[in-house]
Amino acid sequence: PEHVSAASLASLAAERLERGEELPPP
């Protein structure tokens, strides 16, 4: 895609959280 979508951010974050990964601080 040309620009990012929040749908992709959410899906990626959900995958990482499901695996127990720690996401970066905001």
mmCIF file of all heavy atoms, coordinates in Angstrom:
data_MODEL
# 
_entry.id   MODEL 
# 
loop_
_atom_site.group_PDB 
_atom_site.id 
_atom_site.type_symbol 
_atom_site.label_atom_id 
_atom_site.label_alt_id 
_atom_site.label_comp_id 
_atom_site.label_asym_id 
_atom_site.label_entity_id 
_atom_site.label_seq_id 
_atom_site.pdbx_PDB_ins_code 
_atom_site.Cartn_x 
_atom_site.Cartn_y 
_atom_site.Cartn_z 
_atom_site.occupancy 
_atom_site.B_iso_or_equiv 
_atom_site.pdbx_formal_charge 
_atom_site.auth_seq_id 
_atom_site.auth_comp_id 
_atom_site.auth_asym_id 
_atom_site.auth_atom_id 
_atom_site.pdbx_PDB_model_num 
ATOM 1   N N   . PRO A 1 1  ? 0.815  -1.207  0.000  1.00 0.00 ? 1  PRO A N   1 
ATOM 2   C CA  . PRO A 1 1  ? 0.000  0.000   0.000  1.00 0.00 ? 1  PRO A CA  1 
ATOM 3   C C   . PRO A 1 1  ? 0.853  1.263   0.000  1.00 0.00 ? 1  PRO A C   1 
ATOM 4   O O   . PRO A 1 1  ? 2.056  1.226   0.280  1.00 0.00 ? 1  PRO A O   1 
ATOM 5   C CB  . PRO A 1 1  ? -0.772 -0.114  1.314  1.00 0.00 ? 1  PRO A CB  1 
ATOM 6   C CG  . PRO A 1 1  ? 0.200  -0.802  2.224  1.00 0.00 ? 1  PRO A CG  1 
ATOM 7   C CD  . PRO A 1 1  ? 0.945  -1.787  1.357  1.00 0.00 ? 1  PRO A CD  1 
ATOM 8   N N   . GLU A 1 2  ? 0.209  2.384   -0.300 1.00 0.00 ? 2  GLU A N   1 
ATOM 9   C CA  . GLU A 1 2  ? 0.903  3.667   -0.291 1.00 0.00 ? 2  GLU A CA  1 
ATOM 10  C C   . GLU A 1 2  ? 1.037  4.219   1.123  1.00 0.00 ? 2  GLU A C   1 
ATOM 11  O O   . GLU A 1 2  ? 2.067  4.763   1.497  1.00 0.00 ? 2  GLU A O   1 
ATOM 12  C CB  . GLU A 1 2  ? 0.135  4.660   -1.163 1.00 0.00 ? 2  GLU A CB  1 
ATOM 13  C CG  . GLU A 1 2  ? 0.801  6.012   -1.314 1.00 0.00 ? 2  GLU A CG  1 
ATOM 14  C CD  . GLU A 1 2  ? 0.068  6.907   -2.287 1.00 0.00 ? 2  GLU A CD  1 
ATOM 15  O OE1 . GLU A 1 2  ? -0.816 6.410   -3.016 1.00 0.00 ? 2  GLU A OE1 1 
ATOM 16  O OE2 . GLU A 1 2  ? 0.372  8.112   -2.325 1.00 0.00 ? 2  GLU A OE2 1 
ATOM 17  N N   . HIS A 1 3  ? -0.031 4.073   1.924  1.00 0.00 ? 3  HIS A N   1 
ATOM 18  C CA  . HIS A 1 3  ? -0.040 4.575   3.300  1.00 0.00 ? 3  HIS A CA  1 
ATOM 19  C C   . HIS A 1 3  ? -0.362 3.450   4.275  1.00 0.00 ? 3  HIS A C   1 
ATOM 20  O O   . HIS A 1 3  ? -0.983 2.446   3.913  1.00 0.00 ? 3  HIS A O   1 
ATOM 21  C CB  . HIS A 1 3  ? -1.073 5.697   3.454  1.00 0.00 ? 3  HIS A CB  1 
ATOM 22  C CG  . HIS A 1 3  ? -0.808 6.882   2.590  1.00 0.00 ? 3  HIS A CG  1 
ATOM 23  N ND1 . HIS A 1 3  ? 0.297  7.695   2.758  1.00 0.00 ? 3  HIS A ND1 1 
ATOM 24  C CD2 . HIS A 1 3  ? -1.512 7.404   1.548  1.00 0.00 ? 3  HIS A CD2 1 
ATOM 25  C CE1 . HIS A 1 3  ? 0.262  8.658   1.856  1.00 0.00 ? 3  HIS A CE1 1 
ATOM 26  N NE2 . HIS A 1 3  ? -0.809 8.499   1.111  1.00 0.00 ? 3  HIS A NE2 1 
ATOM 27  N N   . VAL A 1 4  ? 0.015  3.659   5.519  1.00 0.00 ? 4  VAL A N   1 
ATOM 28  C CA  . VAL A 1 4  ? -0.270 2.667   6.558  1.00 0.00 ? 4  VAL A CA  1 
ATOM 29  C C   . VAL A 1 4  ? -1.758 2.670   6.880  1.00 0.00 ? 4  VAL A C   1 
ATOM 30  O O   . VAL A 1 4  ? -2.451 3.675   6.684  1.00 0.00 ? 4  VAL A O   1 
ATOM 31  C CB  . VAL A 1 4  ? 0.555  2.991   7.832  1.00 0.00 ? 4  VAL A CB  1 
ATOM 32  C CG1 . VAL A 1 4  ? 0.027  4.245   8.524  1.00 0.00 ? 4  VAL A CG1 1 
ATOM 33  C CG2 . VAL A 1 4  ? 0.586  1.810   8.791  1.00 0.00 ? 4  VAL A CG2 1 
ATOM 34  N N   . SER A 1 5  ? -2.257 1.539   7.362  1.00 0.00 ? 5  SER A N   1 
ATOM 35  C CA  . SER A 1 5  ? -3.626 1.451   7.848  1.00 0.00 ? 5  SER A CA  1 
ATOM 36  C C   . SER A 1 5  ? -3.613 1.000   9.307  1.00 0.00 ? 5  SER A C   1 
ATOM 37  O O   . SER A 1 5  ? -2.785 0.172   9.711  1.00 0.00 ? 5  SER A O   1 
ATOM 38  C CB  . SER A 1 5  ? -4.447 0.461   7.018  1.00 0.00 ? 5  SER A CB  1 
ATOM 39  O OG  . SER A 1 5  ? -4.056 -0.872  7.280  1.00 0.00 ? 5  SER A OG  1 
ATOM 40  N N   . ALA A 1 6  ? -4.528 1.553   10.080 1.00 0.00 ? 6  ALA A N   1 
ATOM 41  C CA  . ALA A 1 6  ? -4.642 1.147   11.481 1.00 0.00 ? 6  ALA A CA  1 
ATOM 42  C C   . ALA A 1 6  ? -5.052 -0.315  11.584 1.00 0.00 ? 6  ALA A C   1 
ATOM 43  O O   . ALA A 1 6  ? -4.737 -0.991  12.567 1.00 0.00 ? 6  ALA A O   1 
ATOM 44  C CB  . ALA A 1 6  ? -5.649 2.038   12.201 1.00 0.00 ? 6  ALA A CB  1 
ATOM 45  N N   . ALA A 1 7  ? -5.757 -0.821  10.571 1.00 0.00 ? 7  ALA A N   1 
ATOM 46  C CA  . ALA A 1 7  ? -6.127 -2.236  10.560 1.00 0.00 ? 7  ALA A CA  1 
ATOM 47  C C   . ALA A 1 7  ? -4.883 -3.125  10.597 1.00 0.00 ? 7  ALA A C   1 
ATOM 48  O O   . ALA A 1 7  ? -4.841 -4.132  11.314 1.00 0.00 ? 7  ALA A O   1 
ATOM 49  C CB  . ALA A 1 7  ? -6.965 -2.543  9.323  1.00 0.00 ? 7  ALA A CB  1 
ATOM 50  N N   . SER A 1 8  ? -3.863 -2.744  9.836  1.00 0.00 ? 8  SER A N   1 
ATOM 51  C CA  . SER A 1 8  ? -2.617 -3.516  9.833  1.00 0.00 ? 8  SER A CA  1 
ATOM 52  C C   . SER A 1 8  ? -1.882 -3.395  11.161 1.00 0.00 ? 8  SER A C   1 
ATOM 53  O O   . SER A 1 8  ? -1.351 -4.386  11.688 1.00 0.00 ? 8  SER A O   1 
ATOM 54  C CB  . SER A 1 8  ? -1.709 -3.039  8.698  1.00 0.00 ? 8  SER A CB  1 
ATOM 55  O OG  . SER A 1 8  ? -2.304 -3.287  7.445  1.00 0.00 ? 8  SER A OG  1 
ATOM 56  N N   . LEU A 1 9  ? -1.846 -2.172  11.710 1.00 0.00 ? 9  LEU A N   1 
ATOM 57  C CA  . LEU A 1 9  ? -1.211 -1.979  13.012 1.00 0.00 ? 9  LEU A CA  1 
ATOM 58  C C   . LEU A 1 9  ? -1.889 -2.841  14.073 1.00 0.00 ? 9  LEU A C   1 
ATOM 59  O O   . LEU A 1 9  ? -1.228 -3.484  14.895 1.00 0.00 ? 9  LEU A O   1 
ATOM 60  C CB  . LEU A 1 9  ? -1.283 -0.516  13.429 1.00 0.00 ? 9  LEU A CB  1 
ATOM 61  C CG  . LEU A 1 9  ? -0.401 0.490   12.696 1.00 0.00 ? 9  LEU A CG  1 
ATOM 62  C CD1 . LEU A 1 9  ? -0.698 1.896   13.206 1.00 0.00 ? 9  LEU A CD1 1 
ATOM 63  C CD2 . LEU A 1 9  ? 1.072  0.182   12.899 1.00 0.00 ? 9  LEU A CD2 1 
ATOM 64  N N   . ALA A 1 10 ? -3.225 -2.837  14.066 1.00 0.00 ? 10 ALA A N   1 
ATOM 65  C CA  . ALA A 1 10 ? -3.969 -3.602  15.064 1.00 0.00 ? 10 ALA A CA  1 
ATOM 66  C C   . ALA A 1 10 ? -3.727 -5.095  14.918 1.00 0.00 ? 10 ALA A C   1 
ATOM 67  O O   . ALA A 1 10 ? -3.538 -5.806  15.906 1.00 0.00 ? 10 ALA A O   1 
ATOM 68  C CB  . ALA A 1 10 ? -5.460 -3.287  14.940 1.00 0.00 ? 10 ALA A CB  1 
ATOM 69  N N   . SER A 1 11 ? -3.739 -5.583  13.678 1.00 0.00 ? 11 SER A N   1 
ATOM 70  C CA  . SER A 1 11 ? -3.534 -7.011  13.444 1.00 0.00 ? 11 SER A CA  1 
ATOM 71  C C   . SER A 1 11 ? -2.141 -7.448  13.861 1.00 0.00 ? 11 SER A C   1 
ATOM 72  O O   . SER A 1 11 ? -1.952 -8.515  14.476 1.00 0.00 ? 11 SER A O   1 
ATOM 73  C CB  . SER A 1 11 ? -3.762 -7.334  11.965 1.00 0.00 ? 11 SER A CB  1 
ATOM 74  O OG  . SER A 1 11 ? -5.089 -7.067  11.584 1.00 0.00 ? 11 SER A OG  1 
ATOM 75  N N   . LEU A 1 12 ? -1.143 -6.624  13.542 1.00 0.00 ? 12 LEU A N   1 
ATOM 76  C CA  . LEU A 1 12 ? 0.230  -6.937  13.930 1.00 0.00 ? 12 LEU A CA  1 
ATOM 77  C C   . LEU A 1 12 ? 0.384  -6.917  15.443 1.00 0.00 ? 12 LEU A C   1 
ATOM 78  O O   . LEU A 1 12 ? 1.005  -7.810  16.035 1.00 0.00 ? 12 LEU A O   1 
ATOM 79  C CB  . LEU A 1 12 ? 1.190  -5.939  13.276 1.00 0.00 ? 12 LEU A CB  1 
ATOM 80  C CG  . LEU A 1 12 ? 2.678  -6.099  13.595 1.00 0.00 ? 12 LEU A CG  1 
ATOM 81  C CD1 . LEU A 1 12 ? 3.179  -7.485  13.228 1.00 0.00 ? 12 LEU A CD1 1 
ATOM 82  C CD2 . LEU A 1 12 ? 3.492  -5.016  12.873 1.00 0.00 ? 12 LEU A CD2 1 
ATOM 83  N N   . ALA A 1 13 ? -0.191 -5.907  16.087 1.00 0.00 ? 13 ALA A N   1 
ATOM 84  C CA  . ALA A 1 13 ? -0.117 -5.816  17.547 1.00 0.00 ? 13 ALA A CA  1 
ATOM 85  C C   . ALA A 1 13 ? -0.810 -6.999  18.208 1.00 0.00 ? 13 ALA A C   1 
ATOM 86  O O   . ALA A 1 13 ? -0.298 -7.566  19.183 1.00 0.00 ? 13 ALA A O   1 
ATOM 87  C CB  . ALA A 1 13 ? -0.744 -4.506  18.016 1.00 0.00 ? 13 ALA A CB  1 
ATOM 88  N N   . ALA A 1 14 ? -1.972 -7.389  17.681 1.00 0.00 ? 14 ALA A N   1 
ATOM 89  C CA  . ALA A 1 14 ? -2.694 -8.522  18.257 1.00 0.00 ? 14 ALA A CA  1 
ATOM 90  C C   . ALA A 1 14 ? -1.877 -9.804  18.162 1.00 0.00 ? 14 ALA A C   1 
ATOM 91  O O   . ALA A 1 14 ? -1.848 -10.605 19.109 1.00 0.00 ? 14 ALA A O   1 
ATOM 92  C CB  . ALA A 1 14 ? -4.033 -8.692  17.539 1.00 0.00 ? 14 ALA A CB  1 
ATOM 93  N N   . GLU A 1 15 ? -1.210 -10.010 17.035 1.00 0.00 ? 15 GLU A N   1 
ATOM 94  C CA  . GLU A 1 15 ? -0.342 -11.191 16.881 1.00 0.00 ? 15 GLU A CA  1 
ATOM 95  C C   . GLU A 1 15 ? 0.775  -11.192 17.921 1.00 0.00 ? 15 GLU A C   1 
ATOM 96  O O   . GLU A 1 15 ? 1.048  -12.209 18.569 1.00 0.00 ? 15 GLU A O   1 
ATOM 97  C CB  . GLU A 1 15 ? 0.288  -11.206 15.486 1.00 0.00 ? 15 GLU A CB  1 
ATOM 98  C CG  . GLU A 1 15 ? -0.610 -11.701 14.384 1.00 0.00 ? 15 GLU A CG  1 
ATOM 99  C CD  . GLU A 1 15 ? 0.170  -11.915 13.091 1.00 0.00 ? 15 GLU A CD  1 
ATOM 100 O OE1 . GLU A 1 15 ? 1.418  -11.889 13.128 1.00 0.00 ? 15 GLU A OE1 1 
ATOM 101 O OE2 . GLU A 1 15 ? -0.481 -12.101 12.045 1.00 0.00 ? 15 GLU A OE2 1 
ATOM 102 N N   . ARG A 1 16 ? 1.421  -10.040 18.068 1.00 0.00 ? 16 ARG A N   1 
ATOM 103 C CA  . ARG A 1 16 ? 2.554  -9.952  18.999 1.00 0.00 ? 16 ARG A CA  1 
ATOM 104 C C   . ARG A 1 16 ? 2.094  -10.129 20.442 1.00 0.00 ? 16 ARG A C   1 
ATOM 105 O O   . ARG A 1 16 ? 2.767  -10.788 21.247 1.00 0.00 ? 16 ARG A O   1 
ATOM 106 C CB  . ARG A 1 16 ? 3.275  -8.620  18.805 1.00 0.00 ? 16 ARG A CB  1 
ATOM 107 C CG  . ARG A 1 16 ? 4.018  -8.533  17.471 1.00 0.00 ? 16 ARG A CG  1 
ATOM 108 C CD  . ARG A 1 16 ? 4.625  -7.159  17.238 1.00 0.00 ? 16 ARG A CD  1 
ATOM 109 N NE  . ARG A 1 16 ? 5.473  -7.161  16.046 1.00 0.00 ? 16 ARG A NE  1 
ATOM 110 C CZ  . ARG A 1 16 ? 6.038  -6.061  15.546 1.00 0.00 ? 16 ARG A CZ  1 
ATOM 111 N NH1 . ARG A 1 16 ? 5.857  -4.878  16.127 1.00 0.00 ? 16 ARG A NH1 1 
ATOM 112 N NH2 . ARG A 1 16 ? 6.813  -6.154  14.465 1.00 0.00 ? 16 ARG A NH2 1 
ATOM 113 N N   . LEU A 1 17 ? 0.967  -9.539  20.791 1.00 0.00 ? 17 LEU A N   1 
ATOM 114 C CA  . LEU A 1 17 ? 0.448  -9.685  22.150 1.00 0.00 ? 17 LEU A CA  1 
ATOM 115 C C   . LEU A 1 17 ? 0.048  -11.128 22.423 1.00 0.00 ? 17 LEU A C   1 
ATOM 116 O O   . LEU A 1 17 ? 0.248  -11.642 23.530 1.00 0.00 ? 17 LEU A O   1 
ATOM 117 C CB  . LEU A 1 17 ? -0.738 -8.745  22.357 1.00 0.00 ? 17 LEU A CB  1 
ATOM 118 C CG  . LEU A 1 17 ? -0.401 -7.248  22.406 1.00 0.00 ? 17 LEU A CG  1 
ATOM 119 C CD1 . LEU A 1 17 ? -1.682 -6.423  22.377 1.00 0.00 ? 17 LEU A CD1 1 
ATOM 120 C CD2 . LEU A 1 17 ? 0.421  -6.912  23.644 1.00 0.00 ? 17 LEU A CD2 1 
ATOM 121 N N   . GLU A 1 18 ? -0.532 -11.791 21.426 1.00 0.00 ? 18 GLU A N   1 
ATOM 122 C CA  . GLU A 1 18 ? -0.927 -13.189 21.578 1.00 0.00 ? 18 GLU A CA  1 
ATOM 123 C C   . GLU A 1 18 ? 0.280  -14.075 21.851 1.00 0.00 ? 18 GLU A C   1 
ATOM 124 O O   . GLU A 1 18 ? 0.188  -15.071 22.595 1.00 0.00 ? 18 GLU A O   1 
ATOM 125 C CB  . GLU A 1 18 ? -1.651 -13.662 20.317 1.00 0.00 ? 18 GLU A CB  1 
ATOM 126 C CG  . GLU A 1 18 ? -2.150 -15.093 20.364 1.00 0.00 ? 18 GLU A CG  1 
ATOM 127 C CD  . GLU A 1 18 ? -3.278 -15.298 21.363 1.00 0.00 ? 18 GLU A CD  1 
ATOM 128 O OE1 . GLU A 1 18 ? -3.948 -14.299 21.721 1.00 0.00 ? 18 GLU A OE1 1 
ATOM 129 O OE2 . GLU A 1 18 ? -3.458 -16.451 21.800 1.00 0.00 ? 18 GLU A OE2 1 
ATOM 130 N N   . ARG A 1 19 ? 1.430  -13.717 21.265 1.00 0.00 ? 19 ARG A N   1 
ATOM 131 C CA  . ARG A 1 19 ? 2.665  -14.479 21.492 1.00 0.00 ? 19 ARG A CA  1 
ATOM 132 C C   . ARG A 1 19 ? 3.357  -14.084 22.794 1.00 0.00 ? 19 ARG A C   1 
ATOM 133 O O   . ARG A 1 19 ? 4.411  -14.630 23.124 1.00 0.00 ? 19 ARG A O   1 
ATOM 134 C CB  . ARG A 1 19 ? 3.631  -14.280 20.324 1.00 0.00 ? 19 ARG A CB  1 
ATOM 135 C CG  . ARG A 1 19 ? 3.163  -14.890 19.016 1.00 0.00 ? 19 ARG A CG  1 
ATOM 136 C CD  . ARG A 1 19 ? 4.313  -14.995 18.026 1.00 0.00 ? 19 ARG A CD  1 
ATOM 137 N NE  . ARG A 1 19 ? 4.839  -13.690 17.663 1.00 0.00 ? 19 ARG A NE  1 
ATOM 138 C CZ  . ARG A 1 19 ? 4.463  -12.989 16.598 1.00 0.00 ? 19 ARG A CZ  1 
ATOM 139 N NH1 . ARG A 1 19 ? 3.525  -13.475 15.789 1.00 0.00 ? 19 ARG A NH1 1 
ATOM 140 N NH2 . ARG A 1 19 ? 4.994  -11.814 16.333 1.00 0.00 ? 19 ARG A NH2 1 
ATOM 141 N N   . GLY A 1 20 ? 2.801  -13.113 23.497 1.00 0.00 ? 20 GLY A N   1 
ATOM 142 C CA  . GLY A 1 20 ? 3.393  -12.682 24.754 1.00 0.00 ? 20 GLY A CA  1 
ATOM 143 C C   . GLY A 1 20 ? 4.535  -11.706 24.591 1.00 0.00 ? 20 GLY A C   1 
ATOM 144 O O   . GLY A 1 20 ? 5.297  -11.468 25.543 1.00 0.00 ? 20 GLY A O   1 
ATOM 145 N N   . GLU A 1 21 ? 4.668  -11.116 23.409 1.00 0.00 ? 21 GLU A N   1 
ATOM 146 C CA  . GLU A 1 21 ? 5.740  -10.154 23.176 1.00 0.00 ? 21 GLU A CA  1 
ATOM 147 C C   . GLU A 1 21 ? 5.417  -8.815  23.837 1.00 0.00 ? 21 GLU A C   1 
ATOM 148 O O   . GLU A 1 21 ? 4.251  -8.428  23.974 1.00 0.00 ? 21 GLU A O   1 
ATOM 149 C CB  . GLU A 1 21 ? 5.943  -9.936  21.674 1.00 0.00 ? 21 GLU A CB  1 
ATOM 150 C CG  . GLU A 1 21 ? 6.435  -11.155 20.932 1.00 0.00 ? 21 GLU A CG  1 
ATOM 151 C CD  . GLU A 1 21 ? 6.675  -10.875 19.466 1.00 0.00 ? 21 GLU A CD  1 
ATOM 152 O OE1 . GLU A 1 21 ? 6.860  -9.697  19.109 1.00 0.00 ? 21 GLU A OE1 1 
ATOM 153 O OE2 . GLU A 1 21 ? 6.674  -11.837 18.667 1.00 0.00 ? 21 GLU A OE2 1 
ATOM 154 N N   . GLU A 1 22 ? 6.456  -8.120  24.230 1.00 0.00 ? 22 GLU A N   1 
ATOM 155 C CA  . GLU A 1 22 ? 6.294  -6.779  24.806 1.00 0.00 ? 22 GLU A CA  1 
ATOM 156 C C   . GLU A 1 22 ? 6.412  -5.746  23.688 1.00 0.00 ? 22 GLU A C   1 
ATOM 157 O O   . GLU A 1 22 ? 7.407  -5.712  22.970 1.00 0.00 ? 22 GLU A O   1 
ATOM 158 C CB  . GLU A 1 22 ? 7.365  -6.517  25.867 1.00 0.00 ? 22 GLU A CB  1 
ATOM 159 C CG  . GLU A 1 22 ? 7.194  -5.192  26.580 1.00 0.00 ? 22 GLU A CG  1 
ATOM 160 C CD  . GLU A 1 22 ? 8.176  -5.014  27.724 1.00 0.00 ? 22 GLU A CD  1 
ATOM 161 O OE1 . GLU A 1 22 ? 8.823  -6.008  28.108 1.00 0.00 ? 22 GLU A OE1 1 
ATOM 162 O OE2 . GLU A 1 22 ? 8.301  -3.878  28.224 1.00 0.00 ? 22 GLU A OE2 1 
ATOM 163 N N   . LEU A 1 23 ? 5.402  -4.932  23.516 1.00 0.00 ? 23 LEU A N   1 
ATOM 164 C CA  . LEU A 1 23 ? 5.405  -3.918  22.466 1.00 0.00 ? 23 LEU A CA  1 
ATOM 165 C C   . LEU A 1 23 ? 6.098  -2.651  22.963 1.00 0.00 ? 23 LEU A C   1 
ATOM 166 O O   . LEU A 1 23 ? 6.154  -2.394  24.166 1.00 0.00 ? 23 LEU A O   1 
ATOM 167 C CB  . LEU A 1 23 ? 3.978  -3.603  22.040 1.00 0.00 ? 23 LEU A CB  1 
ATOM 168 C CG  . LEU A 1 23 ? 3.184  -4.766  21.447 1.00 0.00 ? 23 LEU A CG  1 
ATOM 169 C CD1 . LEU A 1 23 ? 1.805  -4.308  21.001 1.00 0.00 ? 23 LEU A CD1 1 
ATOM 170 C CD2 . LEU A 1 23 ? 3.923  -5.391  20.280 1.00 0.00 ? 23 LEU A CD2 1 
ATOM 171 N N   . PRO A 1 24 ? 6.619  -1.836  22.045 1.00 0.00 ? 24 PRO A N   1 
ATOM 172 C CA  . PRO A 1 24 ? 7.305  -0.601  22.446 1.00 0.00 ? 24 PRO A CA  1 
ATOM 173 C C   . PRO A 1 24 ? 6.360  0.348   23.167 1.00 0.00 ? 24 PRO A C   1 
ATOM 174 O O   . PRO A 1 24 ? 5.140  0.321   22.954 1.00 0.00 ? 24 PRO A O   1 
ATOM 175 C CB  . PRO A 1 24 ? 7.766  0.001   21.115 1.00 0.00 ? 24 PRO A CB  1 
ATOM 176 C CG  . PRO A 1 24 ? 7.723  -1.122  20.138 1.00 0.00 ? 24 PRO A CG  1 
ATOM 177 C CD  . PRO A 1 24 ? 6.626  -2.032  20.591 1.00 0.00 ? 24 PRO A CD  1 
ATOM 178 N N   . PRO A 1 25 ? 6.900  1.211   24.018 1.00 0.00 ? 25 PRO A N   1 
ATOM 179 C CA  . PRO A 1 25 ? 6.060  2.230   24.659 1.00 0.00 ? 25 PRO A CA  1 
ATOM 180 C C   . PRO A 1 25 ? 5.581  3.239   23.616 1.00 0.00 ? 25 PRO A C   1 
ATOM 181 O O   . PRO A 1 25 ? 6.189  3.364   22.548 1.00 0.00 ? 25 PRO A O   1 
ATOM 182 C CB  . PRO A 1 25 ? 7.004  2.879   25.678 1.00 0.00 ? 25 PRO A CB  1 
ATOM 183 C CG  . PRO A 1 25 ? 8.369  2.664   25.115 1.00 0.00 ? 25 PRO A CG  1 
ATOM 184 C CD  . PRO A 1 25 ? 8.313  1.324   24.423 1.00 0.00 ? 25 PRO A CD  1 
ATOM 185 N N   . PRO A 1 26 ? 4.509  3.958   23.895 1.00 0.00 ? 26 PRO A N   1 
ATOM 186 C CA  . PRO A 1 26 ? 3.978  4.926   22.932 1.00 0.00 ? 26 PRO A CA  1 
ATOM 187 C C   . PRO A 1 26 ? 4.779  6.224   22.926 1.00 0.00 ? 26 PRO A C   1 
ATOM 188 O O   . PRO A 1 26 ? 4.284  7.291   23.302 1.00 0.00 ? 26 PRO A O   1 
ATOM 189 C CB  . PRO A 1 26 ? 2.545  5.142   23.424 1.00 0.00 ? 26 PRO A CB  1 
ATOM 190 C CG  . PRO A 1 26 ? 2.628  4.937   24.903 1.00 0.00 ? 26 PRO A CG  1 
ATOM 191 C CD  . PRO A 1 26 ? 3.645  3.842   25.092 1.00 0.00 ? 26 PRO A CD  1 
# 
